[in-house]
Amino acid sequence: MGFTIGAIGSGIREMRDLRETRPGGRRRGRAPEGTAVAEYTGLWGWAVVPGARAGRGGRGAPAGGRTACSCGSARCPEPGAHPLPGADEVPAGATLDEATRVWARTPGAAMLLPAGRTFDVLEVAEEAGRRALVRLERMGLPTGPVAIAPHGRAWFLVAPGAAEDLPELLYRMGWDDTTGLDLRCLGKGDHITAPPSDHGGLGPVRWLRAPGLEQAACPPEARLLLGTLAYVSHRALPLRGAPGRLG
């Protein structure tokens, strides 16, 4: 996974120091964005990428009140939901000082997490995700971190490689027709907005199930969650005929 137990121990020590600097004892000169980034890099072992921010109005905003993106493109296809071109990534394992120094180059940027490295992401509708999480917990199946985005989507973090294997995994589970399945997987080259950053000008992303040390370093295999997520996601859609299932 590229993040060892020794690195986790170092990250824990770093985060103890970091937490001592929070409100009431925060060291001067350290922006809260830097400490949030350091928690992802130093404690969870995830790289963080500076992302664009979205807003309305102001100089350079598109006409008609449409959402403007801080990347400056009037035709941006994903306002406030993509990496900033040319911005420096904060690598996994970066310390508080390192994260603060790098993030100071892009003040106000959203925090984005790259998929396809330490985790891939199974994405479903928010309501389906909430119901699936309840089912998974009742069945005693392992679950990793789960985030809720303000555009009504739930992100389940799973072991990397799921994006490449998704069609085959679904087929083996009997979903040979996925046209009515509101489920997709994000992998290499994709990013998700990290809580509590704003996503697309719609509001903050929130953790439905926050990361833990074990789940962050070793998220569950997609196959353990996929059957439940596919079933609940299909039931959440309007009836369009049953999917093709293998007997």
Protein backbone atom coordinates (compact mmCIF):
# COMPACT_ATOMS: atom_id res chain seq x y z
CA MET A 1 0.00 0.00 0.00
CA GLY A 2 3.04 2.26 0.28
CA PHE A 3 2.38 3.20 3.91
CA THR A 4 4.06 1.02 6.53
CA ILE A 5 3.24 0.32 10.16
CA GLY A 6 6.33 2.34 11.10
CA ALA A 7 5.01 5.28 9.13
CA ILE A 8 1.67 4.96 10.89
CA GLY A 9 3.43 5.06 14.27
CA SER A 10 5.35 8.14 13.20
CA GLY A 11 2.09 9.65 11.96
CA ILE A 12 0.43 9.04 15.32
CA ARG A 13 3.24 10.82 17.15
CA GLU A 14 3.06 13.69 14.68
CA MET A 15 -0.71 13.95 15.08
CA ARG A 16 -0.41 14.06 18.87
CA ASP A 17 1.73 17.14 18.42
CA LEU A 18 -0.70 18.45 15.82
CA ARG A 19 -3.71 18.09 18.11
CA GLU A 20 -1.91 20.01 20.82
CA THR A 21 -1.80 22.95 18.41
CA ARG A 22 -5.57 23.07 17.83
CA PRO A 23 -7.82 25.85 19.21
CA GLY A 24 -6.56 26.98 22.59
CA GLY A 25 -3.01 25.87 21.85
CA ARG A 26 -2.42 26.24 18.10
CA ARG A 27 1.05 27.35 17.19
CA ARG A 28 1.32 30.70 15.50
CA GLY A 29 1.64 30.79 11.74
CA ARG A 30 -0.07 27.46 11.09
CA ALA A 31 -3.28 27.79 9.13
CA PRO A 32 -6.11 25.38 10.03
CA GLU A 33 -6.03 24.09 6.44
CA GLY A 34 -2.46 22.93 7.01
CA THR A 35 -3.38 20.95 10.11
CA ALA A 36 -6.32 19.33 8.31
CA VAL A 37 -4.06 18.33 5.41
CA ALA A 38 -1.46 16.96 7.86
CA GLU A 39 -4.09 14.75 9.48
CA TYR A 40 -4.75 13.07 6.14
CA THR A 41 -1.08 12.70 5.25
CA GLY A 42 0.44 12.01 8.66
CA LEU A 43 -2.27 9.97 10.36
CA TRP A 44 -4.20 8.25 7.58
CA GLY A 45 -1.32 7.95 5.11
CA TRP A 46 -3.16 9.53 2.18
CA ALA A 47 -1.78 12.05 -0.28
CA VAL A 48 -3.74 15.32 -0.58
CA VAL A 49 -4.11 17.35 -3.77
CA PRO A 50 -5.07 21.06 -3.81
CA GLY A 51 -8.43 21.43 -5.52
CA ALA A 52 -10.36 24.23 -7.16
CA ARG A 53 -13.11 26.06 -5.29
CA ALA A 54 -16.51 27.03 -6.65
CA GLY A 55 -18.50 30.19 -6.10
CA ARG A 56 -21.07 32.45 -7.70
CA GLY A 57 -20.64 35.92 -9.07
CA GLY A 58 -17.47 37.97 -8.90
CA ARG A 59 -15.03 38.91 -11.59
CA GLY A 60 -14.69 36.28 -14.29
CA ALA A 61 -17.85 34.42 -13.25
CA PRO A 62 -19.96 32.93 -16.03
CA ALA A 63 -23.02 34.85 -17.13
CA GLY A 64 -26.48 33.92 -15.85
CA GLY A 65 -25.43 33.20 -12.28
CA ARG A 66 -23.81 29.88 -13.10
CA THR A 67 -21.20 28.46 -10.77
CA ALA A 68 -17.71 29.87 -11.30
CA CYS A 69 -14.55 27.85 -10.71
CA SER A 70 -11.35 29.18 -9.18
CA CYS A 71 -9.40 27.52 -12.01
CA GLY A 72 -10.47 30.52 -14.12
CA SER A 73 -12.08 28.58 -16.96
CA ALA A 74 -15.51 29.91 -17.93
CA ARG A 75 -16.31 26.49 -19.41
CA CYS A 76 -15.02 24.37 -16.52
CA PRO A 77 -16.91 21.02 -16.64
CA GLU A 78 -16.47 20.39 -12.90
CA PRO A 79 -16.49 23.73 -11.04
CA GLY A 80 -14.92 23.32 -7.62
CA ALA A 81 -14.48 19.56 -7.99
CA HIS A 82 -11.12 18.99 -9.69
CA PRO A 83 -7.40 19.41 -8.93
CA LEU A 84 -5.81 22.82 -9.44
CA PRO A 85 -3.58 22.67 -12.52
CA GLY A 86 0.09 22.80 -11.62
CA ALA A 87 -0.45 22.68 -7.85
CA ASP A 88 1.92 20.63 -5.69
CA GLU A 89 0.58 17.45 -4.12
CA VAL A 90 1.18 16.86 -0.42
CA PRO A 91 2.52 13.29 -0.29
CA ALA A 92 1.41 10.58 2.07
CA GLY A 93 3.43 10.71 5.27
CA ALA A 94 4.06 14.47 5.12
CA THR A 95 4.53 16.04 8.54
CA LEU A 96 2.61 19.00 9.91
CA ASP A 97 5.39 21.41 8.98
CA GLU A 98 5.70 19.95 5.47
CA ALA A 99 1.94 19.97 4.86
CA THR A 100 1.58 23.53 6.10
CA ARG A 101 4.46 24.74 3.95
CA VAL A 102 3.12 23.13 0.76
CA TRP A 103 -0.49 24.16 1.38
CA ALA A 104 0.52 27.78 1.92
CA ARG A 105 1.22 27.93 -1.82
CA THR A 106 -2.47 27.39 -2.61
CA PRO A 107 -4.40 29.19 0.18
CA GLY A 108 -8.10 28.45 0.22
CA ALA A 109 -7.81 25.34 -1.96
CA ALA A 110 -10.16 22.42 -1.42
CA MET A 111 -8.63 19.16 -0.20
CA LEU A 112 -8.85 16.34 -2.72
CA LEU A 113 -7.87 12.71 -2.20
CA PRO A 114 -6.50 10.77 -5.19
CA ALA A 115 -8.11 7.38 -5.81
CA GLY A 116 -6.24 4.41 -7.23
CA ARG A 117 -3.37 4.43 -4.74
CA THR A 118 -4.22 3.42 -1.18
CA PHE A 119 -7.91 3.10 -2.02
CA ASP A 120 -10.51 3.06 -4.79
CA VAL A 121 -14.03 4.40 -4.26
CA LEU A 122 -17.40 2.74 -4.80
CA GLU A 123 -19.95 5.50 -5.43
CA VAL A 124 -23.71 5.14 -4.99
CA ALA A 125 -26.64 7.43 -4.23
CA GLU A 126 -26.59 8.77 -0.67
CA GLU A 127 -29.79 7.07 0.48
CA ALA A 128 -28.69 3.76 -1.01
CA GLY A 129 -25.33 4.16 0.70
CA ARG A 130 -26.92 4.77 4.08
CA ARG A 131 -29.12 1.69 3.75
CA ALA A 132 -26.22 -0.41 2.51
CA LEU A 133 -24.05 0.60 5.47
CA VAL A 134 -26.77 -0.53 7.90
CA ARG A 135 -27.04 -3.89 6.10
CA LEU A 136 -23.28 -4.39 6.04
CA GLU A 137 -22.98 -3.68 9.75
CA ARG A 138 -25.83 -6.06 10.58
CA MET A 139 -24.11 -8.80 8.58
CA GLY A 140 -20.82 -8.14 10.37
CA LEU A 141 -18.99 -7.35 7.14
CA PRO A 142 -15.96 -5.04 7.30
CA THR A 143 -16.46 -1.47 6.15
CA GLY A 144 -13.90 1.20 5.52
CA PRO A 145 -14.38 4.97 5.60
CA VAL A 146 -17.59 6.25 4.03
CA ALA A 147 -18.16 9.88 3.00
CA ILE A 148 -21.32 11.74 2.01
CA ALA A 149 -21.04 14.46 -0.65
CA PRO A 150 -23.53 17.35 -0.93
CA HIS A 151 -24.60 16.38 -4.45
CA GLY A 152 -26.31 13.32 -3.02
CA ARG A 153 -23.63 10.67 -3.43
CA ALA A 154 -21.97 8.28 -0.98
CA TRP A 155 -18.32 7.24 -1.33
CA PHE A 156 -17.20 3.87 0.09
CA LEU A 157 -13.41 3.54 0.27
CA VAL A 158 -12.21 0.08 -0.73
CA ALA A 159 -8.92 -1.59 -1.61
CA PRO A 160 -7.22 -0.29 -4.77
CA GLY A 161 -7.81 -2.19 -7.99
CA ALA A 162 -11.59 -2.24 -7.70
CA ALA A 163 -12.11 0.13 -10.64
CA GLU A 164 -10.34 -2.24 -13.01
CA ASP A 165 -12.06 -5.33 -11.61
CA LEU A 166 -15.58 -3.90 -11.23
CA PRO A 167 -17.18 -5.28 -14.43
CA GLU A 168 -15.82 -8.76 -13.77
CA LEU A 169 -16.80 -8.66 -10.08
CA LEU A 170 -20.36 -7.61 -10.92
CA TYR A 171 -20.62 -10.30 -13.59
CA ARG A 172 -19.49 -13.00 -11.16
CA MET A 173 -22.17 -11.82 -8.75
CA GLY A 174 -24.85 -12.19 -11.42
CA TRP A 175 -25.09 -8.59 -12.59
CA ASP A 176 -24.52 -9.27 -16.29
CA ASP A 177 -26.76 -6.29 -17.11
CA THR A 178 -25.74 -3.17 -15.19
CA THR A 179 -27.69 -0.59 -17.19
CA GLY A 180 -30.13 -0.08 -14.30
CA LEU A 181 -27.45 -0.03 -11.60
CA ASP A 182 -26.64 3.35 -10.03
CA LEU A 183 -23.13 2.37 -9.00
CA ARG A 184 -19.69 3.28 -10.29
CA CYS A 185 -16.10 2.96 -9.14
CA LEU A 186 -13.44 5.67 -9.03
CA GLY A 187 -9.83 4.62 -9.49
CA LYS A 188 -6.53 5.84 -10.89
CA GLY A 189 -6.80 9.40 -12.18
CA ASP A 190 -9.95 10.17 -10.16
CA HIS A 191 -10.28 12.27 -7.00
CA ILE A 192 -12.81 12.76 -4.25
CA THR A 193 -13.28 15.87 -2.13
CA ALA A 194 -12.03 15.30 1.41
CA PRO A 195 -14.18 16.31 4.40
CA PRO A 196 -14.76 19.04 5.38
CA SER A 197 -13.94 20.75 2.07
CA ASP A 198 -16.68 22.21 -0.09
CA HIS A 199 -17.66 20.19 -3.16
CA GLY A 200 -18.73 22.12 -6.24
CA GLY A 201 -20.06 25.06 -4.27
CA LEU A 202 -22.83 22.86 -2.82
CA GLY A 203 -21.51 22.51 0.72
CA PRO A 204 -19.04 20.41 2.71
CA VAL A 205 -18.36 16.72 2.33
CA ARG A 206 -18.95 14.82 5.59
CA TRP A 207 -17.84 11.47 6.99
CA LEU A 208 -20.66 8.99 7.46
CA ARG A 209 -18.06 6.58 8.84
CA ALA A 210 -14.83 8.35 9.72
CA PRO A 211 -11.44 6.75 9.00
CA GLY A 212 -9.70 4.56 11.56
CA LEU A 213 -6.05 3.56 11.47
CA GLU A 214 -6.69 0.00 10.32
CA GLN A 215 -9.34 0.92 7.74
CA ALA A 216 -7.28 3.78 6.34
CA ALA A 217 -4.17 1.64 5.85
CA CYS A 218 -6.04 -1.47 4.70
CA PRO A 219 -9.56 -0.75 3.36
CA PRO A 220 -11.81 -3.75 2.68
CA GLU A 221 -11.85 -5.59 -0.62
CA ALA A 222 -14.57 -4.33 -2.94
CA ARG A 223 -16.10 -7.80 -3.31
CA LEU A 224 -17.10 -7.79 0.37
CA LEU A 225 -19.29 -4.70 -0.09
CA LEU A 226 -20.24 -4.90 -3.73
CA GLY A 227 -23.12 -7.37 -3.50
CA THR A 228 -24.94 -5.29 -0.90
CA LEU A 229 -24.21 -1.98 -2.64
CA ALA A 230 -25.40 -3.31 -6.00
CA TYR A 231 -28.59 -4.79 -4.53
CA VAL A 232 -29.52 -1.65 -2.59
CA SER A 233 -28.57 0.65 -5.48
CA HIS A 234 -30.78 -1.31 -7.86
CA ARG A 235 -33.73 -1.27 -5.47
CA ALA A 236 -33.32 2.49 -5.02
CA LEU A 237 -33.97 3.11 -8.72
CA PRO A 238 -37.45 3.32 -10.29
CA LEU A 239 -38.51 -0.08 -11.58
CA ARG A 240 -37.06 -0.64 -15.05
CA GLY A 241 -37.26 -4.38 -15.16
CA ALA A 242 -35.08 -6.81 -13.22
CA PRO A 243 -31.40 -7.01 -14.14
CA GLY A 244 -30.13 -10.05 -15.93
CA ARG A 245 -29.02 -12.51 -13.25
CA LEU A 246 -27.06 -15.69 -13.61
CA GLY A 247 -28.77 -18.70 -12.19
